N, C-alpha and C. Protein backbone atom coordinates (compact mmCIF):
# COMPACT_ATOMS: atom_id res chain seq x y z
N MET A 1 -74.74 -166.21 -47.92
CA MET A 1 -74.68 -164.80 -47.61
C MET A 1 -76.08 -164.16 -47.60
N ILE A 2 -76.96 -164.64 -48.47
CA ILE A 2 -78.28 -164.01 -48.56
C ILE A 2 -79.39 -164.83 -47.90
N SER A 3 -79.03 -165.89 -47.21
CA SER A 3 -80.06 -166.77 -46.64
C SER A 3 -80.97 -166.03 -45.65
N LYS A 4 -80.39 -165.18 -44.80
CA LYS A 4 -81.22 -164.43 -43.84
C LYS A 4 -82.14 -163.47 -44.57
N LEU A 5 -81.64 -162.84 -45.61
CA LEU A 5 -82.44 -161.92 -46.43
C LEU A 5 -83.62 -162.67 -47.06
N LEU A 6 -83.36 -163.85 -47.58
CA LEU A 6 -84.41 -164.66 -48.18
C LEU A 6 -85.43 -165.13 -47.15
N ASP A 7 -84.95 -165.53 -45.96
CA ASP A 7 -85.85 -165.99 -44.90
C ASP A 7 -86.80 -164.88 -44.46
N ILE A 8 -86.26 -163.69 -44.25
CA ILE A 8 -87.09 -162.56 -43.82
C ILE A 8 -88.11 -162.21 -44.90
N SER A 9 -87.66 -162.17 -46.14
CA SER A 9 -88.55 -161.82 -47.25
C SER A 9 -89.67 -162.85 -47.40
N ASN A 10 -89.32 -164.11 -47.31
CA ASN A 10 -90.34 -165.17 -47.40
C ASN A 10 -91.32 -165.11 -46.23
N SER A 11 -90.83 -164.81 -45.03
CA SER A 11 -91.70 -164.69 -43.86
C SER A 11 -92.68 -163.53 -44.03
N LEU A 12 -92.18 -162.41 -44.52
CA LEU A 12 -93.02 -161.25 -44.74
C LEU A 12 -94.09 -161.53 -45.80
N ALA A 13 -93.69 -162.18 -46.87
CA ALA A 13 -94.65 -162.52 -47.93
C ALA A 13 -95.71 -163.49 -47.41
N GLU A 14 -95.30 -164.47 -46.64
CA GLU A 14 -96.25 -165.44 -46.08
C GLU A 14 -97.24 -164.76 -45.13
N LEU A 15 -96.75 -163.87 -44.32
CA LEU A 15 -97.61 -163.13 -43.41
C LEU A 15 -98.65 -162.31 -44.18
N MET A 16 -98.22 -161.65 -45.23
CA MET A 16 -99.14 -160.84 -46.04
C MET A 16 -100.13 -161.72 -46.79
N ARG A 17 -99.69 -162.88 -47.26
CA ARG A 17 -100.63 -163.80 -47.93
C ARG A 17 -101.72 -164.26 -46.96
N GLY A 18 -101.33 -164.56 -45.73
CA GLY A 18 -102.30 -164.96 -44.72
C GLY A 18 -103.27 -163.85 -44.39
N GLU A 19 -102.77 -162.63 -44.27
CA GLU A 19 -103.64 -161.49 -43.99
C GLU A 19 -104.60 -161.26 -45.15
N THR A 20 -104.10 -161.34 -46.37
CA THR A 20 -104.95 -161.15 -47.54
C THR A 20 -106.04 -162.21 -47.59
N ALA A 21 -105.67 -163.46 -47.32
CA ALA A 21 -106.66 -164.54 -47.32
C ALA A 21 -107.72 -164.30 -46.24
N ASP A 22 -107.29 -163.85 -45.08
CA ASP A 22 -108.24 -163.57 -44.01
C ASP A 22 -109.19 -162.45 -44.41
N LEU A 23 -108.67 -161.40 -45.00
CA LEU A 23 -109.52 -160.28 -45.40
C LEU A 23 -110.44 -160.65 -46.56
N GLU A 24 -110.05 -161.61 -47.35
CA GLU A 24 -110.92 -162.07 -48.44
C GLU A 24 -111.96 -163.06 -47.92
N GLY A 25 -111.84 -163.46 -46.67
CA GLY A 25 -112.80 -164.37 -46.07
C GLY A 25 -112.49 -165.83 -46.31
N THR A 26 -111.29 -166.12 -46.81
CA THR A 26 -110.93 -167.51 -47.07
C THR A 26 -110.02 -168.09 -45.99
N GLY A 27 -109.64 -167.26 -45.04
CA GLY A 27 -108.75 -167.74 -43.98
C GLY A 27 -109.42 -167.63 -42.64
N HIS A 28 -108.67 -167.89 -41.59
CA HIS A 28 -109.22 -167.79 -40.24
C HIS A 28 -109.04 -166.35 -39.74
N HIS A 29 -109.87 -165.96 -38.78
CA HIS A 29 -109.80 -164.61 -38.24
C HIS A 29 -108.53 -164.45 -37.41
N VAL A 30 -107.84 -163.35 -37.64
CA VAL A 30 -106.62 -163.07 -36.89
C VAL A 30 -106.67 -161.64 -36.37
N ASP A 31 -105.78 -161.33 -35.46
CA ASP A 31 -105.67 -159.98 -34.90
C ASP A 31 -104.88 -159.11 -35.88
N HIS A 32 -105.58 -158.18 -36.52
CA HIS A 32 -104.94 -157.37 -37.55
C HIS A 32 -103.91 -156.40 -36.99
N GLU A 33 -104.09 -155.98 -35.74
CA GLU A 33 -103.08 -155.12 -35.11
C GLU A 33 -101.79 -155.92 -34.92
N GLU A 34 -101.93 -157.17 -34.52
CA GLU A 34 -100.77 -158.04 -34.33
C GLU A 34 -100.06 -158.27 -35.67
N ILE A 35 -100.84 -158.48 -36.72
CA ILE A 35 -100.24 -158.69 -38.04
C ILE A 35 -99.51 -157.43 -38.50
N SER A 36 -100.14 -156.28 -38.30
CA SER A 36 -99.51 -155.03 -38.69
C SER A 36 -98.18 -154.83 -37.97
N ASN A 37 -98.16 -155.10 -36.68
CA ASN A 37 -96.92 -154.97 -35.91
C ASN A 37 -95.87 -155.97 -36.39
N ALA A 38 -96.29 -157.18 -36.71
CA ALA A 38 -95.35 -158.19 -37.21
C ALA A 38 -94.77 -157.76 -38.56
N LYS A 39 -95.62 -157.20 -39.41
CA LYS A 39 -95.12 -156.73 -40.71
C LYS A 39 -94.09 -155.61 -40.52
N LEU A 40 -94.37 -154.70 -39.60
CA LEU A 40 -93.42 -153.62 -39.34
C LEU A 40 -92.08 -154.16 -38.84
N ARG A 41 -92.15 -155.16 -37.95
CA ARG A 41 -90.91 -155.76 -37.44
C ARG A 41 -90.12 -156.45 -38.55
N LEU A 42 -90.82 -157.19 -39.41
CA LEU A 42 -90.14 -157.88 -40.50
C LEU A 42 -89.53 -156.90 -41.50
N VAL A 43 -90.24 -155.83 -41.80
CA VAL A 43 -89.68 -154.82 -42.71
C VAL A 43 -88.44 -154.18 -42.09
N ALA A 44 -88.49 -153.89 -40.79
CA ALA A 44 -87.32 -153.34 -40.11
C ALA A 44 -86.16 -154.33 -40.14
N ASN A 45 -86.44 -155.62 -39.94
CA ASN A 45 -85.40 -156.64 -40.02
C ASN A 45 -84.81 -156.73 -41.42
N LEU A 46 -85.68 -156.63 -42.43
CA LEU A 46 -85.23 -156.67 -43.82
C LEU A 46 -84.30 -155.49 -44.12
N GLU A 47 -84.72 -154.31 -43.69
CA GLU A 47 -83.88 -153.12 -43.89
C GLU A 47 -82.56 -153.24 -43.15
N ALA A 48 -82.60 -153.75 -41.93
CA ALA A 48 -81.38 -153.92 -41.14
C ALA A 48 -80.42 -154.92 -41.79
N GLU A 49 -80.98 -155.99 -42.33
CA GLU A 49 -80.13 -157.00 -42.98
C GLU A 49 -79.48 -156.44 -44.24
N ILE A 50 -80.24 -155.68 -45.01
CA ILE A 50 -79.67 -155.06 -46.22
C ILE A 50 -78.58 -154.06 -45.82
N ALA A 51 -78.84 -153.27 -44.78
CA ALA A 51 -77.84 -152.32 -44.30
C ALA A 51 -76.58 -153.04 -43.82
N ARG A 52 -76.77 -154.16 -43.11
CA ARG A 52 -75.63 -154.94 -42.63
C ARG A 52 -74.80 -155.46 -43.80
N LEU A 53 -75.50 -156.03 -44.79
CA LEU A 53 -74.78 -156.54 -45.96
C LEU A 53 -74.03 -155.42 -46.67
N ASN A 54 -74.65 -154.27 -46.82
CA ASN A 54 -74.00 -153.14 -47.48
C ASN A 54 -72.80 -152.64 -46.69
N ARG A 55 -72.88 -152.69 -45.38
CA ARG A 55 -71.79 -152.23 -44.53
C ARG A 55 -70.63 -153.23 -44.50
N GLU A 56 -70.96 -154.51 -44.31
CA GLU A 56 -69.92 -155.53 -44.16
C GLU A 56 -69.37 -156.04 -45.48
N HIS A 57 -70.20 -156.03 -46.52
CA HIS A 57 -69.81 -156.54 -47.84
C HIS A 57 -70.37 -155.60 -48.90
N PRO A 58 -69.76 -154.43 -49.11
CA PRO A 58 -70.32 -153.43 -50.02
C PRO A 58 -70.62 -153.97 -51.43
N GLU A 59 -69.93 -154.98 -51.86
CA GLU A 59 -70.13 -155.54 -53.20
C GLU A 59 -70.93 -156.84 -53.18
N TRP A 60 -71.70 -157.06 -52.12
CA TRP A 60 -72.40 -158.33 -51.96
C TRP A 60 -73.32 -158.65 -53.11
N LEU A 61 -74.00 -157.66 -53.62
CA LEU A 61 -74.94 -157.91 -54.72
C LEU A 61 -74.20 -158.33 -55.99
N ASN A 62 -73.10 -157.68 -56.28
CA ASN A 62 -72.32 -158.03 -57.47
C ASN A 62 -71.60 -159.36 -57.32
N ALA A 63 -71.37 -159.79 -56.07
CA ALA A 63 -70.63 -161.03 -55.81
C ALA A 63 -71.54 -162.27 -55.82
N LEU A 64 -72.85 -162.09 -55.95
CA LEU A 64 -73.76 -163.24 -55.95
C LEU A 64 -73.55 -164.12 -57.17
N THR A 65 -73.71 -165.40 -56.96
CA THR A 65 -73.68 -166.33 -58.09
C THR A 65 -74.95 -166.10 -58.92
N ASP A 66 -74.95 -166.61 -60.13
CA ASP A 66 -76.13 -166.47 -60.99
C ASP A 66 -77.35 -167.12 -60.33
N GLU A 67 -77.12 -168.26 -59.68
CA GLU A 67 -78.22 -168.96 -59.02
C GLU A 67 -78.78 -168.13 -57.86
N ASP A 68 -77.88 -167.58 -57.02
CA ASP A 68 -78.32 -166.76 -55.90
C ASP A 68 -79.02 -165.48 -56.40
N ARG A 69 -78.51 -164.89 -57.45
CA ARG A 69 -79.11 -163.70 -58.02
C ARG A 69 -80.52 -163.99 -58.53
N ALA A 70 -80.69 -165.14 -59.19
CA ALA A 70 -82.01 -165.53 -59.70
C ALA A 70 -82.97 -165.81 -58.54
N THR A 71 -82.48 -166.48 -57.51
CA THR A 71 -83.32 -166.78 -56.34
C THR A 71 -83.74 -165.49 -55.66
N LEU A 72 -82.81 -164.58 -55.43
CA LEU A 72 -83.11 -163.31 -54.79
C LEU A 72 -84.12 -162.51 -55.62
N SER A 73 -83.92 -162.49 -56.90
CA SER A 73 -84.84 -161.78 -57.79
C SER A 73 -86.24 -162.36 -57.73
N GLN A 74 -86.34 -163.69 -57.74
CA GLN A 74 -87.63 -164.37 -57.68
C GLN A 74 -88.35 -164.08 -56.36
N VAL A 75 -87.60 -164.15 -55.25
CA VAL A 75 -88.19 -163.90 -53.93
C VAL A 75 -88.66 -162.45 -53.81
N MET A 76 -87.84 -161.52 -54.29
CA MET A 76 -88.21 -160.11 -54.21
C MET A 76 -89.41 -159.78 -55.11
N GLN A 77 -89.47 -160.41 -56.27
CA GLN A 77 -90.62 -160.21 -57.15
C GLN A 77 -91.89 -160.77 -56.49
N GLY A 78 -91.78 -161.93 -55.87
CA GLY A 78 -92.91 -162.51 -55.16
C GLY A 78 -93.36 -161.62 -54.00
N LEU A 79 -92.40 -161.06 -53.28
CA LEU A 79 -92.71 -160.16 -52.18
C LEU A 79 -93.41 -158.91 -52.69
N ARG A 80 -92.93 -158.37 -53.79
CA ARG A 80 -93.56 -157.18 -54.39
C ARG A 80 -94.99 -157.47 -54.81
N ASP A 81 -95.21 -158.61 -55.48
CA ASP A 81 -96.56 -158.97 -55.94
C ASP A 81 -97.50 -159.21 -54.77
N THR A 82 -97.01 -159.90 -53.74
CA THR A 82 -97.82 -160.16 -52.55
C THR A 82 -98.18 -158.86 -51.85
N ALA A 83 -97.22 -157.95 -51.74
CA ALA A 83 -97.47 -156.66 -51.10
C ALA A 83 -98.51 -155.86 -51.89
N ALA A 84 -98.47 -155.92 -53.20
CA ALA A 84 -99.44 -155.19 -54.03
C ALA A 84 -100.85 -155.76 -53.82
N GLU A 85 -100.99 -157.07 -53.77
CA GLU A 85 -102.29 -157.69 -53.52
C GLU A 85 -102.80 -157.33 -52.13
N ASN A 86 -101.91 -157.36 -51.15
CA ASN A 86 -102.26 -157.02 -49.78
C ASN A 86 -102.72 -155.56 -49.68
N GLN A 87 -102.03 -154.68 -50.38
CA GLN A 87 -102.38 -153.27 -50.36
C GLN A 87 -103.78 -153.03 -50.93
N VAL A 88 -104.12 -153.72 -52.01
CA VAL A 88 -105.43 -153.55 -52.64
C VAL A 88 -106.55 -153.95 -51.68
N ILE A 89 -106.41 -155.10 -51.06
CA ILE A 89 -107.50 -155.56 -50.18
C ILE A 89 -107.56 -154.74 -48.89
N LEU A 90 -106.41 -154.30 -48.37
CA LEU A 90 -106.43 -153.44 -47.19
C LEU A 90 -107.13 -152.12 -47.50
N LYS A 91 -106.84 -151.53 -48.64
CA LYS A 91 -107.49 -150.28 -49.03
C LYS A 91 -108.99 -150.50 -49.19
N ARG A 92 -109.38 -151.60 -49.79
CA ARG A 92 -110.81 -151.89 -49.98
C ARG A 92 -111.51 -151.99 -48.63
N HIS A 93 -110.89 -152.66 -47.67
CA HIS A 93 -111.50 -152.81 -46.34
C HIS A 93 -111.53 -151.49 -45.58
N LEU A 94 -110.49 -150.69 -45.69
CA LEU A 94 -110.48 -149.39 -45.03
C LEU A 94 -111.55 -148.48 -45.63
N ASP A 95 -111.68 -148.48 -46.95
CA ASP A 95 -112.72 -147.67 -47.60
C ASP A 95 -114.11 -148.12 -47.17
N LEU A 96 -114.33 -149.42 -47.10
CA LEU A 96 -115.62 -149.95 -46.67
C LEU A 96 -115.91 -149.56 -45.23
N SER A 97 -114.92 -149.65 -44.35
CA SER A 97 -115.10 -149.27 -42.95
C SER A 97 -115.45 -147.79 -42.83
N THR A 98 -114.78 -146.96 -43.59
CA THR A 98 -115.06 -145.52 -43.57
C THR A 98 -116.48 -145.23 -44.03
N GLU A 99 -116.90 -145.89 -45.11
CA GLU A 99 -118.26 -145.70 -45.61
C GLU A 99 -119.29 -146.16 -44.58
N LEU A 100 -119.01 -147.28 -43.93
CA LEU A 100 -119.94 -147.80 -42.93
C LEU A 100 -120.06 -146.86 -41.74
N ILE A 101 -118.95 -146.37 -41.25
CA ILE A 101 -118.97 -145.43 -40.12
C ILE A 101 -119.69 -144.15 -40.51
N ASP A 102 -119.45 -143.64 -41.73
CA ASP A 102 -120.15 -142.45 -42.20
C ASP A 102 -121.65 -142.68 -42.26
N ALA A 103 -122.07 -143.86 -42.74
CA ALA A 103 -123.50 -144.17 -42.83
C ALA A 103 -124.13 -144.25 -41.44
N VAL A 104 -123.44 -144.87 -40.50
CA VAL A 104 -123.95 -144.97 -39.13
C VAL A 104 -124.05 -143.58 -38.51
N SER A 105 -123.05 -142.74 -38.73
CA SER A 105 -123.07 -141.37 -38.20
C SER A 105 -124.23 -140.57 -38.79
N ASP A 106 -124.43 -140.69 -40.10
CA ASP A 106 -125.54 -139.99 -40.76
C ASP A 106 -126.87 -140.44 -40.19
N GLU A 107 -127.02 -141.75 -39.99
CA GLU A 107 -128.28 -142.27 -39.46
C GLU A 107 -128.48 -141.83 -38.01
N ALA A 108 -127.42 -141.82 -37.20
CA ALA A 108 -127.52 -141.36 -35.82
C ALA A 108 -127.92 -139.89 -35.78
N ARG A 109 -127.38 -139.10 -36.66
CA ARG A 109 -127.71 -137.67 -36.73
C ARG A 109 -129.17 -137.50 -37.14
N ARG A 110 -129.61 -138.31 -38.10
CA ARG A 110 -130.99 -138.22 -38.57
C ARG A 110 -131.96 -138.63 -37.47
N VAL A 111 -131.69 -139.72 -36.79
CA VAL A 111 -132.60 -140.25 -35.78
C VAL A 111 -132.65 -139.36 -34.55
N THR A 112 -131.50 -138.85 -34.12
CA THR A 112 -131.47 -138.05 -32.90
C THR A 112 -131.82 -136.59 -33.15
N GLY A 113 -131.84 -136.18 -34.41
CA GLY A 113 -132.18 -134.79 -34.72
C GLY A 113 -131.15 -133.82 -34.18
N LYS A 114 -129.91 -134.22 -34.17
CA LYS A 114 -128.85 -133.38 -33.60
C LYS A 114 -128.30 -132.36 -34.59
N GLY A 115 -128.91 -132.26 -35.74
CA GLY A 115 -128.50 -131.22 -36.68
C GLY A 115 -129.37 -130.00 -36.45
N GLY A 116 -129.11 -128.92 -37.07
CA GLY A 116 -129.94 -127.75 -36.93
C GLY A 116 -129.26 -126.55 -37.56
N VAL A 117 -129.86 -125.39 -37.34
CA VAL A 117 -129.30 -124.15 -37.86
C VAL A 117 -129.27 -123.13 -36.74
N SER A 118 -128.38 -122.19 -36.86
CA SER A 118 -128.33 -121.09 -35.91
C SER A 118 -127.96 -119.82 -36.65
N TYR A 119 -128.31 -118.71 -36.04
CA TYR A 119 -127.96 -117.42 -36.61
C TYR A 119 -126.53 -117.06 -36.26
N GLN A 120 -125.82 -116.52 -37.23
CA GLN A 120 -124.48 -116.01 -36.98
C GLN A 120 -124.60 -114.51 -36.68
N SER A 121 -123.52 -113.91 -36.22
CA SER A 121 -123.55 -112.49 -35.90
C SER A 121 -123.85 -111.64 -37.12
N SER A 122 -123.56 -112.16 -38.30
CA SER A 122 -123.85 -111.42 -39.53
C SER A 122 -125.31 -111.52 -39.93
N GLY A 123 -126.08 -112.35 -39.25
CA GLY A 123 -127.48 -112.54 -39.57
C GLY A 123 -127.72 -113.74 -40.49
N ALA A 124 -126.66 -114.37 -40.96
CA ALA A 124 -126.79 -115.54 -41.85
C ALA A 124 -127.07 -116.78 -41.02
N LEU A 125 -127.68 -117.76 -41.67
CA LEU A 125 -127.94 -119.04 -41.01
C LEU A 125 -126.75 -119.97 -41.23
N ALA A 126 -126.35 -120.71 -40.22
CA ALA A 126 -125.25 -121.68 -40.33
C ALA A 126 -125.75 -123.04 -39.87
N ALA A 127 -125.46 -124.05 -40.67
CA ALA A 127 -125.85 -125.42 -40.30
C ALA A 127 -124.95 -125.91 -39.19
N GLN A 128 -125.54 -126.67 -38.27
CA GLN A 128 -124.78 -127.23 -37.17
C GLN A 128 -124.77 -128.75 -37.30
N ASP A 129 -123.68 -129.33 -36.91
CA ASP A 129 -123.56 -130.79 -36.92
C ASP A 129 -123.18 -131.22 -35.52
N LYS A 130 -124.16 -131.65 -34.75
CA LYS A 130 -123.91 -132.08 -33.38
C LYS A 130 -124.23 -133.56 -33.23
N SER A 131 -123.65 -134.36 -34.10
CA SER A 131 -123.95 -135.79 -34.05
C SER A 131 -123.33 -136.41 -32.81
N SER A 132 -124.00 -137.45 -32.35
CA SER A 132 -123.49 -138.20 -31.20
C SER A 132 -122.20 -138.91 -31.62
N PRO A 133 -121.25 -139.05 -30.68
CA PRO A 133 -120.03 -139.78 -31.03
C PRO A 133 -120.33 -141.25 -31.30
N ILE A 134 -119.58 -141.80 -32.21
CA ILE A 134 -119.73 -143.20 -32.59
C ILE A 134 -118.54 -143.96 -32.02
N SER A 135 -118.81 -145.11 -31.40
CA SER A 135 -117.72 -145.97 -30.93
C SER A 135 -117.90 -147.34 -31.55
N VAL A 136 -116.81 -148.03 -31.71
CA VAL A 136 -116.83 -149.35 -32.34
C VAL A 136 -116.38 -150.39 -31.32
N ASN A 137 -117.17 -151.44 -31.16
CA ASN A 137 -116.82 -152.53 -30.26
C ASN A 137 -115.91 -153.48 -31.03
N THR A 138 -114.65 -153.49 -30.68
CA THR A 138 -113.69 -154.35 -31.39
C THR A 138 -113.62 -155.74 -30.80
N GLN A 139 -114.44 -156.04 -29.79
CA GLN A 139 -114.43 -157.34 -29.15
C GLN A 139 -115.46 -158.30 -29.73
N LEU A 140 -116.14 -157.90 -30.80
CA LEU A 140 -117.17 -158.76 -31.39
C LEU A 140 -116.59 -160.01 -32.00
């Protein structure tokens, strides 16, 4: 009864482990947009399977054998732990990317001299930020 639920959960955990390894630099380079989309599809499949079980067998969780209950618990705990590790490294990479883009923008503003001041109608000076737009080449 829970085999599909276990398969989806294990697939999702494996995908996140691979992404985490790649982001840590221990795996091969992969398309992160593709991984993100795959994770979304697997989560949707997981939710759909749980909804199906609840609809077709409202007491499915209570009807599990002790062995199935232990297996489901172990798989879900592993999925939770893997997701937590994945979240930490994704946040670290996003923070690093933001800092890098901010540093490049600051340097571009400094080099091009696109900052300045202007008078407002009240006579006060206002700082201007006219930095050049930054683009990222994702084909590197």
